[in-house]
C-alpha atoms as a PDB file:
ATOM      1  CA  MET A   1      39.458 196.741 168.443  1.00  0.00           C
ATOM      2  CA  LYS A   2      38.135 197.837 171.826  1.00  0.00           C
ATOM      3  CA  LYS A   3      34.403 197.525 172.357  1.00  0.00           C
ATOM      4  CA  TYR A   4      32.430 199.523 174.865  1.00  0.00           C
ATOM      5  CA  ASN A   5      30.005 198.135 177.409  1.00  0.00           C
ATOM      6  CA  ALA A   6      27.188 199.284 175.172  1.00  0.00           C
ATOM      7  CA  ALA A   7      23.939 198.182 173.560  1.00  0.00           C
ATOM      8  CA  VAL A   8      21.416 199.422 171.002  1.00  0.00           C
ATOM      9  CA  TYR A   9      17.662 199.540 171.543  1.00  0.00           C
ATOM     10  CA  LEU A  10      14.543 200.578 169.683  1.00  0.00           C
ATOM     11  CA  LEU A  11      10.783 200.632 170.116  1.00  0.00           C
ATOM     12  CA  SER A  12       9.282 199.142 166.975  1.00  0.00           C
ATOM     13  CA  GLY A  13       5.813 199.104 165.466  1.00  0.00           C
ATOM     14  CA  ARG A  14       6.463 199.168 161.710  1.00  0.00           C
ATOM     15  CA  VAL A  15       6.569 195.456 160.970  1.00  0.00           C
ATOM     16  CA  ASN A  16       7.179 195.955 157.274  1.00  0.00           C
ATOM     17  CA  LEU A  17      10.221 198.194 157.795  1.00  0.00           C
ATOM     18  CA  LEU A  18      12.064 196.538 160.628  1.00  0.00           C
ATOM     19  CA  GLU A  19      14.098 194.019 158.618  1.00  0.00           C
ATOM     20  CA  LYS A  20      15.241 196.661 156.134  1.00  0.00           C
ATOM     21  CA  CYS A  21      16.196 199.032 158.942  1.00  0.00           C
ATOM     22  CA  LEU A  22      18.184 196.441 160.876  1.00  0.00           C
ATOM     23  CA  SER A  23      19.816 194.994 157.747  1.00  0.00           C
ATOM     24  CA  ASN A  24      21.193 198.410 156.790  1.00  0.00           C
ATOM     25  CA  PHE A  25      22.139 199.124 160.396  1.00  0.00           C
ATOM     26  CA  PHE A  26      24.292 195.997 160.552  1.00  0.00           C
ATOM     27  CA  LYS A  27      25.603 196.264 156.977  1.00  0.00           C
ATOM     28  CA  ASN A  28      26.705 199.886 157.300  1.00  0.00           C
ATOM     29  CA  TRP A  29      27.832 199.954 160.930  1.00  0.00           C
ATOM     30  CA  ASN A  30      27.136 197.211 163.457  1.00  0.00           C
ATOM     31  CA  ASN A  31      28.642 194.251 161.582  1.00  0.00           C
ATOM     32  CA  LYS A  32      31.983 195.798 162.485  1.00  0.00           C
ATOM     33  CA  TYR A  33      31.231 196.418 166.174  1.00  0.00           C
ATOM     34  CA  GLN A  34      28.740 193.660 167.017  1.00  0.00           C
ATOM     35  CA  TYR A  35      26.779 195.481 169.704  1.00  0.00           C
ATOM     36  CA  PRO A  36      23.640 193.664 170.947  1.00  0.00           C
ATOM     37  CA  VAL A  37      20.324 195.081 169.717  1.00  0.00           C
ATOM     38  CA  PHE A  38      17.112 194.947 171.760  1.00  0.00           C
ATOM     39  CA  VAL A  39      13.860 195.431 169.814  1.00  0.00           C
ATOM     40  CA  HIS A  40      11.023 196.464 172.134  1.00  0.00           C
ATOM     41  CA  TYR A  41       7.393 196.389 171.007  1.00  0.00           C
ATOM     42  CA  PHE A  42       3.823 196.763 172.265  1.00  0.00           C
ATOM     43  CA  GLY A  43       1.048 194.236 171.752  1.00  0.00           C
ATOM     44  CA  ASN A  44       1.444 191.028 169.742  1.00  0.00           C
ATOM     45  CA  ILE A  45       2.740 192.399 166.454  1.00  0.00           C
ATOM     46  CA  TYR A  46       5.816 190.168 166.246  1.00  0.00           C
ATOM     47  CA  SER A  47       5.328 186.421 165.943  1.00  0.00           C
ATOM     48  CA  LYS A  48       7.884 183.772 166.913  1.00  0.00           C
ATOM     49  CA  ASN A  49       8.394 182.977 163.231  1.00  0.00           C
ATOM     50  CA  PHE A  50       9.041 186.627 162.375  1.00  0.00           C
ATOM     51  CA  ILE A  51      11.556 186.971 165.203  1.00  0.00           C
ATOM     52  CA  LYS A  52      13.294 183.792 164.102  1.00  0.00           C
ATOM     53  CA  LYS A  53      13.497 185.116 160.532  1.00  0.00           C
ATOM     54  CA  ILE A  54      15.022 188.449 161.634  1.00  0.00           C
ATOM     55  CA  ARG A  55      17.643 186.737 163.786  1.00  0.00           C
ATOM     56  CA  LYS A  56      18.496 184.369 160.924  1.00  0.00           C
ATOM     57  CA  ASN A  57      18.492 186.909 158.081  1.00  0.00           C
ATOM     58  CA  VAL A  58      20.099 189.834 159.899  1.00  0.00           C
ATOM     59  CA  SER A  59      21.910 188.830 163.115  1.00  0.00           C
ATOM     60  CA  PRO A  60      21.567 186.562 166.173  1.00  0.00           C
ATOM     61  CA  LEU A  61      22.585 189.630 168.212  1.00  0.00           C
ATOM     62  CA  ILE A  62      19.013 190.910 167.818  1.00  0.00           C
ATOM     63  CA  GLN A  63      16.669 190.182 170.704  1.00  0.00           C
ATOM     64  CA  PHE A  64      12.982 191.035 171.061  1.00  0.00           C
ATOM     65  CA  ARG A  65      11.297 192.247 174.240  1.00  0.00           C
ATOM     66  CA  LYS A  66       7.537 192.786 174.585  1.00  0.00           C
ATOM     67  CA  VAL A  67       6.613 195.841 176.683  1.00  0.00           C
ATOM     68  CA  LYS A  68       3.496 196.066 178.827  1.00  0.00           C
ATOM     69  CA  THR A  69       1.877 199.491 179.093  1.00  0.00           C
ATOM     70  CA  LYS A  70      -0.486 201.329 181.405  1.00  0.00           C
ATOM     71  CA  LEU A  71      -1.700 204.884 181.886  1.00  0.00           C
ATOM     72  CA  PRO A  72      -0.369 206.956 184.802  1.00  0.00           C
ATOM     73  CA  ARG A  73      -2.564 206.688 187.895  1.00  0.00           C
ATOM     74  CA  ASN A  74      -2.712 210.447 188.316  1.00  0.00           C
ATOM     75  CA  LEU A  75      -4.491 210.988 184.972  1.00  0.00           C
ATOM     76  CA  LYS A  76      -7.972 210.365 183.700  1.00  0.00           C
ATOM     77  CA  GLU A  77      -8.716 209.507 180.091  1.00  0.00           C
ATOM     78  CA  LYS A  78     -10.005 213.034 179.457  1.00  0.00           C
ATOM     79  CA  ASP A  79      -6.568 214.413 180.398  1.00  0.00           C
ATOM     80  CA  LEU A  80      -4.746 212.640 177.569  1.00  0.00           C
ATOM     81  CA  PHE A  81      -3.201 214.609 174.730  1.00  0.00           C
ATOM     82  CA  TYR A  82      -5.501 213.300 171.992  1.00  0.00           C
ATOM     83  CA  ASN A  83      -8.504 214.909 173.745  1.00  0.00           C
ATOM     84  CA  LYS A  84      -7.047 218.424 173.478  1.00  0.00           C
ATOM     85  CA  LYS A  85      -9.083 219.371 170.412  1.00  0.00           C
ATOM     86  CA  ASN A  86      -8.211 223.052 170.837  1.00  0.00           C
ATOM     87  CA  LEU A  87      -4.784 222.197 169.388  1.00  0.00           C
ATOM     88  CA  ARG A  88      -4.423 222.134 165.608  1.00  0.00           C
ATOM     89  CA  TYR A  89      -1.957 219.245 165.698  1.00  0.00           C
ATOM     90  CA  VAL A  90      -4.415 217.104 167.648  1.00  0.00           C
ATOM     91  CA  ARG A  91      -7.302 217.909 165.302  1.00  0.00           C
ATOM     92  CA  GLU A  92      -5.262 217.166 162.200  1.00  0.00           C
ATOM     93  CA  ALA A  93      -2.942 214.332 163.193  1.00  0.00           C
ATOM     94  CA  PHE A  94      -3.402 212.905 166.689  1.00  0.00           C
ATOM     95  CA  SER A  95      -6.485 210.805 167.303  1.00  0.00           C
ATOM     96  CA  LYS A  96      -7.106 208.229 170.025  1.00  0.00           C
ATOM     97  CA  LYS A  97      -5.616 205.610 167.694  1.00  0.00           C
ATOM     98  CA  ARG A  98      -2.198 207.104 168.510  1.00  0.00           C
ATOM     99  CA  LEU A  99      -2.300 206.246 172.198  1.00  0.00           C
ATOM    100  CA  ASP A 100       0.728 204.003 171.658  1.00  0.00           C
ATOM    101  CA  TYR A 101       2.766 207.078 170.745  1.00  0.00           C
ATOM    102  CA  LEU A 102       2.108 208.463 174.221  1.00  0.00           C
ATOM    103  CA  HIS A 103       3.216 205.130 175.664  1.00  0.00           C
ATOM    104  CA  GLY A 104       6.238 205.524 173.389  1.00  0.00           C
ATOM    105  CA  GLU A 105       7.208 208.865 174.894  1.00  0.00           C
ATOM    106  CA  ARG A 106       7.112 207.343 178.375  1.00  0.00           C
ATOM    107  CA  PHE A 107       9.384 204.557 177.080  1.00  0.00           C
ATOM    108  CA  TRP A 108      11.888 206.885 175.365  1.00  0.00           C
ATOM    109  CA  VAL A 109      12.185 209.366 178.244  1.00  0.00           C
ATOM    110  CA  ASN A 110      12.700 206.773 180.984  1.00  0.00           C
ATOM    111  CA  LEU A 111      16.290 205.878 180.130  1.00  0.00           C
ATOM    112  CA  THR A 112      17.033 204.231 183.472  1.00  0.00           C
ATOM    113  CA  SER A 113      13.677 202.756 184.553  1.00  0.00           C
ATOM    114  CA  TYR A 114      14.720 199.283 183.483  1.00  0.00           C
ATOM    115  CA  GLY A 115      12.035 196.619 183.783  1.00  0.00           C
ATOM    116  CA  LYS A 116       9.289 198.961 184.963  1.00  0.00           C
ATOM    117  CA  THR A 117       5.941 198.921 183.165  1.00  0.00           C
ATOM    118  CA  GLY A 118       6.219 200.698 179.831  1.00  0.00           C
ATOM    119  CA  CYS A 119      10.007 201.040 179.982  1.00  0.00           C
ATOM    120  CA  LEU A 120      13.262 199.534 178.699  1.00  0.00           C
ATOM    121  CA  CYS A 121      13.907 195.879 179.501  1.00  0.00           C
ATOM    122  CA  LYS A 122      15.994 194.827 182.511  1.00  0.00           C
ATOM    123  CA  ASP A 123      18.716 193.483 180.205  1.00  0.00           C
ATOM    124  CA  LEU A 124      19.862 197.031 179.431  1.00  0.00           C
ATOM    125  CA  LYS A 125      20.678 197.872 183.045  1.00  0.00           C
ATOM    126  CA  LYS A 126      24.172 196.363 182.791  1.00  0.00           C
ATOM    127  CA  TYR A 127      25.360 198.680 179.992  1.00  0.00           C
ATOM    128  CA  ASP A 128      27.264 201.952 180.442  1.00  0.00           C
ATOM    129  CA  TYR A 129      26.331 203.331 177.014  1.00  0.00           C
ATOM    130  CA  LEU A 130      23.034 203.048 175.130  1.00  0.00           C
ATOM    131  CA  MET A 131      22.088 203.955 171.578  1.00  0.00           C
ATOM    132  CA  ARG A 132      18.493 204.528 170.558  1.00  0.00           C
ATOM    133  CA  ILE A 133      17.394 204.172 166.937  1.00  0.00           C
ATOM    134  CA  ASP A 134      13.948 203.929 165.325  1.00  0.00           C
ATOM    135  CA  ASP A 135      12.566 201.216 163.070  1.00  0.00           C
ATOM    136  CA  ASP A 136      12.580 203.638 160.129  1.00  0.00           C
ATOM    137  CA  SER A 137      16.124 204.924 160.781  1.00  0.00           C
ATOM    138  CA  GLY A 138      18.095 204.711 157.538  1.00  0.00           C
ATOM    139  CA  PHE A 139      21.808 203.896 157.568  1.00  0.00           C
ATOM    140  CA  LEU A 140      22.724 204.776 153.987  1.00  0.00           C
ATOM    141  CA  LYS A 141      26.490 204.254 153.741  1.00  0.00           C
ATOM    142  CA  LYS A 142      29.363 202.799 155.734  1.00  0.00           C
ATOM    143  CA  ILE A 143      30.128 204.560 159.008  1.00  0.00           C
ATOM    144  CA  ASN A 144      33.722 203.583 159.674  1.00  0.00           C
ATOM    145  CA  TYR A 145      34.094 204.673 163.279  1.00  0.00           C
ATOM    146  CA  ASP A 146      32.431 203.774 166.553  1.00  0.00           C
ATOM    147  CA  LEU A 147      29.574 206.169 167.249  1.00  0.00           C
ATOM    148  CA  PHE A 148      30.020 205.506 170.964  1.00  0.00           C
ATOM    149  CA  ASP A 149      33.536 207.024 170.945  1.00  0.00           C
ATOM    150  CA  LYS A 150      32.306 210.529 171.738  1.00  0.00           C
ATOM    151  CA  LEU A 151      30.610 209.384 174.919  1.00  0.00           C
ATOM    152  CA  LYS A 152      34.022 209.268 176.574  1.00  0.00           C
ATOM    153  CA  LYS A 153      33.803 213.082 176.735  1.00  0.00           C
ATOM    154  CA  TYR A 154      30.112 213.826 176.269  1.00  0.00           C
ATOM    155  CA  PRO A 155      27.018 212.684 178.195  1.00  0.00           C
ATOM    156  CA  PHE A 156      24.992 212.647 175.033  1.00  0.00           C
ATOM    157  CA  ALA A 157      25.594 212.308 171.291  1.00  0.00           C
ATOM    158  CA  THR A 158      23.252 212.374 168.315  1.00  0.00           C
ATOM    159  CA  GLY A 159      23.211 211.651 164.605  1.00  0.00           C
ATOM    160  CA  TYR A 160      22.278 215.257 163.793  1.00  0.00           C
ATOM    161  CA  THR A 161      20.710 218.327 165.387  1.00  0.00           C
ATOM    162  CA  TRP A 162      17.823 220.584 164.348  1.00  0.00           C
ATOM    163  CA  ASN A 163      15.950 223.632 165.692  1.00  0.00           C
ATOM    164  CA  THR A 164      12.952 224.267 163.458  1.00  0.00           C
ATOM    165  CA  TYR A 165       9.847 225.570 165.198  1.00  0.00           C
ATOM    166  CA  ASN A 166       6.309 225.449 163.858  1.00  0.00           C
ATOM    167  CA  TYR A 167       2.788 224.780 165.138  1.00  0.00           C
ATOM    168  CA  THR A 168       3.442 221.052 165.680  1.00  0.00           C
ATOM    169  CA  HIS A 169       6.303 221.856 168.046  1.00  0.00           C
ATOM    170  CA  LYS A 170       4.263 224.575 169.741  1.00  0.00           C
ATOM    171  CA  ASP A 171       1.332 222.199 170.237  1.00  0.00           C
ATOM    172  CA  THR A 172       3.504 219.432 171.678  1.00  0.00           C
ATOM    173  CA  ARG A 173       5.334 221.675 174.152  1.00  0.00           C
ATOM    174  CA  VAL A 174       2.356 223.189 175.944  1.00  0.00           C
ATOM    175  CA  GLU A 175       3.295 223.908 179.589  1.00  0.00           C
ATOM    176  CA  LEU A 176       6.866 222.617 179.070  1.00  0.00           C
ATOM    177  CA  TRP A 177       8.390 226.038 179.686  1.00  0.00           C
ATOM    178  CA  ASN A 178       6.455 226.475 182.937  1.00  0.00           C
ATOM    179  CA  PHE A 179       7.438 222.983 184.040  1.00  0.00           C
ATOM    180  CA  TYR A 180      11.079 223.727 183.356  1.00  0.00           C
ATOM    181  CA  LYS A 181      11.087 227.024 185.272  1.00  0.00           C
ATOM    182  CA  ASN A 182       9.340 225.372 188.222  1.00  0.00           C
ATOM    183  CA  TYR A 183      11.916 222.572 188.150  1.00  0.00           C
ATOM    184  CA  LEU A 184      14.785 225.062 188.346  1.00  0.00           C
ATOM    185  CA  LYS A 185      13.096 226.967 191.160  1.00  0.00           C
ATOM    186  CA  LYS A 186      12.238 223.873 193.201  1.00  0.00           C
ATOM    187  CA  PHE A 187      15.733 222.386 193.104  1.00  0.00           C
ATOM    188  CA  LYS A 188      17.612 225.721 192.895  1.00  0.00           C
ATOM    189  CA  TYR A 189      19.417 224.990 189.616  1.00  0.00           C
ATOM    190  CA  THR A 190      20.864 227.434 187.112  1.00  0.00           C
ATOM    191  CA  PRO A 191      21.236 226.212 183.515  1.00  0.00           C
ATOM    192  CA  LYS A 192      24.827 225.792 182.385  1.00  0.00           C
ATOM    193  CA  ASN A 193      23.823 226.547 178.798  1.00  0.00           C
ATOM    194  CA  LYS A 194      24.149 230.304 178.166  1.00  0.00           C
ATOM    195  CA  ILE A 195      21.153 230.535 175.826  1.00  0.00           C
ATOM    196  CA  LEU A 196      18.901 228.688 178.241  1.00  0.00           C
ATOM    197  CA  LYS A 197      20.206 230.706 181.172  1.00  0.00           C
ATOM    198  CA  LYS A 198      19.364 233.920 179.324  1.00  0.00           C
ATOM    199  CA  ALA A 199      15.957 232.555 178.335  1.00  0.00           C
ATOM    200  CA  VAL A 200      15.102 231.911 181.979  1.00  0.00           C
ATOM    201  CA  LYS A 201      16.411 235.294 183.106  1.00  0.00           C
ATOM    202  CA  GLU A 202      14.338 237.096 180.457  1.00  0.00           C
ATOM    203  CA  ASN A 203      11.429 234.636 180.665  1.00  0.00           C
ATOM    204  CA  ASP A 204      11.764 234.196 176.898  1.00  0.00           C
ATOM    205  CA  GLU A 205      10.256 230.839 175.971  1.00  0.00           C
ATOM    206  CA  TYR A 206      11.140 231.227 172.293  1.00  0.00           C
ATOM    207  CA  LYS A 207      14.851 230.984 173.081  1.00  0.00           C
ATOM    208  CA  MET A 208      14.203 227.516 174.489  1.00  0.00           C
ATOM    209  CA  HIS A 209      12.455 226.462 171.286  1.00  0.00           C
ATOM    210  CA  LYS A 210      15.465 227.469 169.203  1.00  0.00           C
ATOM    211  CA  LEU A 211      18.013 225.339 171.049  1.00  0.00           C
ATOM    212  CA  PRO A 212      19.790 222.722 168.901  1.00  0.00           C
ATOM    213  CA  TRP A 213      17.800 219.570 169.647  1.00  0.00           C
ATOM    214  CA  SER A 214      19.018 216.006 169.202  1.00  0.00           C
ATOM    215  CA  ALA A 215      17.745 213.798 166.388  1.00  0.00           C
ATOM    216  CA  GLY A 216      15.891 211.468 168.727  1.00  0.00           C
ATOM    217  CA  ASN A 217      15.847 208.699 166.120  1.00  0.00           C
ATOM    218  CA  ILE A 218      19.602 208.165 166.610  1.00  0.00           C
ATOM    219  CA  ASN A 219      20.708 209.213 170.078  1.00  0.00           C
ATOM    220  CA  LEU A 220      23.527 207.865 172.240  1.00  0.00           C
ATOM    221  CA  TYR A 221      23.632 208.191 176.019  1.00  0.00           C
ATOM    222  CA  ASN A 222      26.418 207.928 178.578  1.00  0.00           C
ATOM    223  CA  ILE A 223      24.227 206.384 181.274  1.00  0.00           C
ATOM    224  CA  LYS A 224      26.903 206.408 183.976  1.00  0.00           C
ATOM    225  CA  LEU A 225      27.439 210.128 183.457  1.00  0.00           C
ATOM    226  CA  PHE A 226      23.684 210.829 183.555  1.00  0.00           C
ATOM    227  CA  LEU A 227      23.467 208.970 186.864  1.00  0.00           C
ATOM    228  CA  LYS A 228      26.340 211.009 188.350  1.00  0.00           C
ATOM    229  CA  HIS A 229      24.073 214.036 187.897  1.00  0.00           C
ATOM    230  CA  PRO A 230      20.522 214.508 189.269  1.00  0.00           C
ATOM    231  CA  TRP A 231      18.919 212.493 186.439  1.00  0.00           C
ATOM    232  CA  LYS A 232      16.760 210.276 188.678  1.00  0.00           C
ATOM    233  CA  GLU A 233      15.542 213.322 190.583  1.00  0.00           C
ATOM    234  CA  TYR A 234      14.615 214.997 187.282  1.00  0.00           C
ATOM    235  CA  LEU A 235      12.937 211.861 185.939  1.00  0.00           C
ATOM    236  CA  LYS A 236      10.834 211.452 189.068  1.00  0.00           C
ATOM    237  CA  HIS A 237       9.717 215.083 188.827  1.00  0.00           C
ATOM    238  CA  LEU A 238       8.979 214.672 185.115  1.00  0.00           C
ATOM    239  CA  ASN A 239       6.961 211.473 185.519  1.00  0.00           C
ATOM    240  CA  LYS A 240       4.948 213.019 188.328  1.00  0.00           C
ATOM    241  CA  VAL A 241       3.665 215.671 185.931  1.00  0.00           C
ATOM    242  CA  SER A 242       3.008 213.087 183.165  1.00  0.00           C
ATOM    243  CA  GLY A 243       3.635 215.668 180.457  1.00  0.00           C
ATOM    244  CA  ASP A 244       4.259 212.845 177.997  1.00  0.00           C
ATOM    245  CA  TYR A 245       0.645 211.702 178.266  1.00  0.00           C
ATOM    246  CA  GLN A 246      -0.983 215.084 178.907  1.00  0.00           C
ATOM    247  CA  TYR A 247       0.882 217.220 176.373  1.00  0.00           C
ATOM    248  CA  ARG A 248       2.898 214.744 174.263  1.00  0.00           C
ATOM    249  CA  TRP A 249       6.162 216.207 175.523  1.00  0.00           C
ATOM    250  CA  GLY A 250       8.941 214.549 173.582  1.00  0.00           C
ATOM    251  CA  ASP A 251      12.042 212.804 174.849  1.00  0.00           C
ATOM    252  CA  ILE A 252      14.020 215.091 172.548  1.00  0.00           C
ATOM    253  CA  GLU A 253      13.006 218.171 174.507  1.00  0.00           C
ATOM    254  CA  THR A 254      12.773 216.715 178.003  1.00  0.00           C
ATOM    255  CA  ILE A 255      16.090 214.854 177.935  1.00  0.00           C
ATOM    256  CA  GLY A 256      17.621 217.770 176.022  1.00  0.00           C
ATOM    257  CA  LEU A 257      16.632 220.259 178.717  1.00  0.00           C
ATOM    258  CA  PHE A 258      18.251 218.083 181.371  1.00  0.00           C
ATOM    259  CA  ALA A 259      21.488 217.927 179.389  1.00  0.00           C
ATOM    260  CA  TYR A 260      21.533 221.675 178.688  1.00  0.00           C
ATOM    261  CA  THR A 261      20.910 222.372 182.363  1.00  0.00           C
ATOM    262  CA  HIS A 262      23.521 220.129 183.976  1.00  0.00           C
ATOM    263  CA  PHE A 263      26.386 219.746 181.475  1.00  0.00           C
ATOM    264  CA  SER A 264      28.736 222.416 180.176  1.00  0.00           C
ATOM    265  CA  LYS A 265      29.322 220.255 177.059  1.00  0.00           C
ATOM    266  CA  PRO A 266      25.876 218.651 176.753  1.00  0.00           C
ATOM    267  CA  ILE A 267      25.726 217.104 173.302  1.00  0.00           C
ATOM    268  CA  TYR A 268      27.953 215.995 170.430  1.00  0.00           C
ATOM    269  CA  ASP A 269      26.586 216.202 166.883  1.00  0.00           C
ATOM    270  CA  HIS A 270      27.848 213.433 164.557  1.00  0.00           C
ATOM    271  CA  ASN A 271      26.330 215.368 161.626  1.00  0.00           C
ATOM    272  CA  LEU A 272      25.450 212.125 159.800  1.00  0.00           C
ATOM    273  CA  LYS A 273      22.673 213.564 157.645  1.00  0.00           C
ATOM    274  CA  GLN A 274      24.820 216.285 156.103  1.00  0.00           C
ATOM    275  CA  LYS A 275      27.529 213.689 155.435  1.00  0.00           C
ATOM    276  CA  GLY A 276      24.989 211.569 153.538  1.00  0.00           C
ATOM    277  CA  LEU A 277      25.419 208.635 155.917  1.00  0.00           C
ATOM    278  CA  TYR A 278      22.001 208.632 157.539  1.00  0.00           C
ATOM    279  CA  THR A 279      18.350 209.555 157.037  1.00  0.00           C
ATOM    280  CA  ASN A 280      15.728 209.795 159.743  1.00  0.00           C
ATOM    281  CA  LYS A 281      13.147 208.087 157.513  1.00  0.00           C
ATOM    282  CA  ILE A 282      13.759 205.153 155.200  1.00  0.00           C
ATOM    283  CA  GLU A 283      12.413 205.935 151.730  1.00  0.00           C
ATOM    284  CA  SER A 284       9.188 203.933 151.990  1.00  0.00           C
ATOM    285  CA  HIS A 285       5.483 204.558 152.306  1.00  0.00           C
ATOM    286  CA  TYR A 286       5.596 202.468 155.482  1.00  0.00           C
ATOM    287  CA  SER A 287       7.522 205.311 157.153  1.00  0.00           C
ATOM    288  CA  THR A 288       4.327 207.378 157.178  1.00  0.00           C
ATOM    289  CA  MET A 289       2.306 204.667 158.885  1.00  0.00           C
ATOM    290  CA  VAL A 290       1.591 205.406 162.513  1.00  0.00           C
ATOM    291  CA  PRO A 291       2.489 202.514 164.840  1.00  0.00           C
ATOM    292  CA  SER A 292      -0.554 201.524 166.889  1.00  0.00           C
ATOM    293  CA  THR A 293      -1.999 198.520 168.664  1.00  0.00           C
ATOM    294  CA  TYR A 294      -5.223 200.386 169.429  1.00  0.00           C
ATOM    295  CA  LEU A 295      -7.260 198.645 166.734  1.00  0.00           C
ATOM    296  CA  LYS A 296      -8.046 194.939 166.969  1.00  0.00           C
ATOM    297  CA  PHE A 297      -6.329 194.100 163.699  1.00  0.00           C
ATOM    298  CA  ASN A 298      -2.661 194.661 162.965  1.00  0.00           C
ATOM    299  CA  LEU A 299      -2.492 197.966 161.133  1.00  0.00           C
ATOM    300  CA  HIS A 300       0.911 197.207 159.666  1.00  0.00           C
ATOM    301  CA  ASN A 301      -0.223 194.058 157.896  1.00  0.00           C
ATOM    302  CA  SER A 302      -3.417 195.621 156.604  1.00  0.00           C
ATOM    303  CA  LYS A 303      -3.308 195.660 152.807  1.00  0.00           C
ATOM    304  CA  VAL A 304      -5.904 198.444 152.666  1.00  0.00           C
ATOM    305  CA  LEU A 305      -3.914 200.727 154.962  1.00  0.00           C
ATOM    306  CA  SER A 306      -0.699 199.865 153.168  1.00  0.00           C
ATOM    307  CA  PHE A 307      -2.208 200.924 149.832  1.00  0.00           C
ATOM    308  CA  TYR A 308      -3.554 204.136 151.386  1.00  0.00           C
ATOM    309  CA  HIS A 309      -0.112 205.140 152.709  1.00  0.00           C
ATOM    310  CA  TRP A 310       1.548 204.146 149.435  1.00  0.00           C
ATOM    311  CA  ILE A 311      -0.715 206.642 147.617  1.00  0.00           C
ATOM    312  CA  LYS A 312       0.141 209.351 150.171  1.00  0.00           C
ATOM    313  CA  HIS A 313       3.828 208.577 149.768  1.00  0.00           C
ATOM    314  CA  ILE A 314       3.641 208.980 145.974  1.00  0.00           C
ATOM    315  CA  LEU A 315       1.673 212.261 146.248  1.00  0.00           C
ATOM    316  CA  ARG A 316       4.257 213.648 148.666  1.00  0.00           C
ATOM    317  CA  ARG A 317       7.102 212.762 146.320  1.00  0.00           C
ATOM    318  CA  MET A 318       5.217 214.557 143.523  1.00  0.00           C
ATOM    319  CA  LYS A 319       4.837 217.506 145.929  1.00  0.00           C
ATOM    320  CA  LEU A 320       1.076 217.438 145.483  1.00  0.00           C
ATOM    321  CA  ILE A 321       0.494 217.181 149.218  1.00  0.00           C
ATOM    322  CA  ARG A 322       2.601 217.856 152.331  1.00  0.00           C
END
C-alpha cells in the first residue's frame, strides 16, 4: 500500500475529549495508514504524564507541540473581536475569555508559516499533504480508503461541505467582502469560480456567503499545489489586515476564498457526514466547552464547569434550549 508524504495535525484544548477523538481516529482510519499526528496546544494544559498516556493508549505516532502566541503588532487590545459589542454574536457568545479562539484562527489560516509564533510546528514543513482535524472530530465507522487520494487532483478536500448563513456567520465576516474585492483589485485577479466571479461583477456579497464551504474540522490540503499558486502573497496580505483578530474571520472562509479564486476545481467533498462515517462534534458535553487558557485555572479540568456544560448538553438533547 502506497503512503503519501503526509501528516495530520490539530490544535487541541479539550483535554477530556482528546483521547476519545484520537482513539476513534486511529481505530476507524489511521491504524491502516499510519500517518503521523501532531497535537498542537496553547498554555500548559497537557502534562508529560498525559502525553505519555495518550502515546501508550492510542499510538506512538502522536506527538505534542506547545504553541506560543502573541497579538499582532498592528492592533491594540480595543481592536480585538471580543470588544465589538455592537455584534449580537459577541454579546451572546464571545467574551474576552475566548481570546485563544482568535489565536486559533491565526494558527488554522497560516498553513505554511511553519515554526512562526502562533503557527504550525516546523516538523510539518517536510510534508506535501496535510490533514487538519479538531479534538472533537468524531470518526464513527471504518473509512476504508485513503482520504489523501483526492489531493492528487485537487488542491483541497474536506469531510463535508455546508452553506448555511445566519447572524453568527454575518457577525464573523464583517469587512471580509471588502477585503476580498480589494485583494482582487490590488493583484488584478479574476475568480475562477463562476458564482464568485458573478458576485464580484454584481457586487453581491450574499452570493459569497452561499458558496459551499469546507468543514474546517476535517480538511486536507495539497501544500505543494497551494505553493505553486500565489498562496504566500495572499497570506501576507491577509495577515497584514489581521481580520482573524479584528473580525474573527475563519480559516474556512479565508482559505476557501483563495481556493475558489485560483483553482478551477477548488475542493473535493468526501461527503462523510451523509455517509454516516463522521460527525463534526463527538456526542459529549465536553464538545460545548470553549477551549481557553485565559483563566488561571484549567477550565477543562474544572469539575464545576464540567457539570455546567453537562447540564447544557442534556437540555439541548431534550430540545429545551438551543
